[in-house]
Amino acid sequence: MLTKTALIGCLMTSTLGLPVALPYAAGAAVAVSVGPVELEVSRQRGLDIDLHVECLNSGCPLAALRIGAVETPSYRVTL
């Protein structure tokens, strides 16, 4: 029973981590934002943490995933 629970937990974790890990492994920059806090990981710049103060006054997405560098057109998914 514990093995089944651990297996389901591992599958769910890998499924949620795949959209972030796969583009990063291919060399693309990946940014994940939750509210006003954004974490961007790229091979050129490493880890970058940003706080978007304008989100505190206006509406911003609950969560977002962006694949691609900030300077280039990128694929963005928001909730």
Protein backbone atom coordinates (compact mmCIF):
# COMPACT_ATOMS: atom_id res chain seq x y z
CA MET A 1 0.00 0.00 0.00
CA LEU A 2 2.83 2.40 0.83
CA THR A 3 4.56 1.54 -2.45
CA LYS A 4 1.44 2.47 -4.41
CA THR A 5 1.17 5.82 -2.61
CA ALA A 6 4.87 6.56 -3.17
CA LEU A 7 4.57 5.65 -6.85
CA ILE A 8 1.58 7.93 -7.36
CA GLY A 9 3.39 10.76 -5.54
CA CYS A 10 6.50 10.34 -7.71
CA LEU A 11 4.44 10.32 -10.90
CA MET A 12 2.56 13.48 -9.90
CA THR A 13 5.79 15.27 -8.94
CA SER A 14 7.50 14.36 -12.19
CA THR A 15 4.43 15.39 -14.20
CA LEU A 16 4.38 18.82 -12.54
CA GLY A 17 8.15 19.29 -12.89
CA LEU A 18 8.37 18.23 -16.53
CA PRO A 19 7.22 21.56 -18.07
CA VAL A 20 10.04 23.32 -16.19
CA ALA A 21 12.82 20.73 -16.45
CA LEU A 22 12.45 19.79 -20.11
CA PRO A 23 12.88 23.28 -21.65
CA TYR A 24 15.74 24.04 -19.24
CA ALA A 25 17.49 20.83 -20.30
CA ALA A 26 17.05 21.92 -23.93
CA GLY A 27 18.75 25.26 -23.16
CA ALA A 28 15.77 27.61 -22.93
CA ALA A 29 15.16 30.05 -20.10
CA VAL A 30 12.23 29.12 -17.86
CA ALA A 31 10.36 31.53 -15.58
CA VAL A 32 7.74 30.60 -12.99
CA SER A 33 5.79 33.34 -11.26
CA VAL A 34 3.36 33.16 -8.38
CA GLY A 35 1.66 36.47 -7.77
CA PRO A 36 4.24 39.27 -7.80
CA VAL A 37 7.27 36.96 -7.32
CA GLU A 38 9.01 35.58 -10.42
CA LEU A 39 11.83 33.01 -10.53
CA GLU A 40 13.75 32.72 -13.79
CA VAL A 41 16.33 30.01 -14.48
CA SER A 42 18.61 30.10 -17.50
CA ARG A 43 22.01 28.68 -18.34
CA GLN A 44 23.40 32.11 -19.28
CA ARG A 45 22.26 34.09 -16.22
CA GLY A 46 21.61 31.39 -13.62
CA LEU A 47 18.81 32.02 -11.08
CA ASP A 48 17.10 35.41 -11.09
CA ILE A 49 14.43 36.43 -8.58
CA ASP A 50 12.20 39.43 -9.39
CA LEU A 51 9.47 41.18 -7.43
CA HIS A 52 6.94 42.96 -9.65
CA VAL A 53 5.64 45.76 -7.44
CA GLU A 54 3.05 46.84 -10.03
CA CYS A 55 1.19 43.56 -9.39
CA LEU A 56 0.45 44.66 -5.84
CA ASN A 57 -1.71 47.58 -7.07
CA SER A 58 -3.27 45.97 -10.12
CA GLY A 59 -4.43 42.50 -10.99
CA CYS A 60 -1.80 39.98 -11.99
CA PRO A 61 -2.10 36.27 -12.77
CA LEU A 62 -2.18 33.85 -9.85
CA ALA A 63 0.54 31.72 -11.46
CA ALA A 64 2.40 31.82 -14.76
CA LEU A 65 4.94 29.74 -16.65
CA ARG A 66 7.07 31.38 -19.35
CA ILE A 67 9.45 29.47 -21.60
CA GLY A 68 12.01 31.67 -23.33
CA ALA A 69 14.23 34.62 -22.40
CA VAL A 70 12.69 37.94 -21.40
CA GLU A 71 14.11 39.73 -24.46
CA THR A 72 12.70 37.23 -26.98
CA PRO A 73 9.11 36.28 -27.84
CA SER A 74 8.16 33.48 -25.49
CA TYR A 75 5.42 30.99 -24.72
CA ARG A 76 3.47 32.03 -21.60
CA VAL A 77 0.74 30.15 -19.73
CA THR A 78 -1.18 31.92 -16.95
CA LEU A 79 -3.83 30.99 -14.42
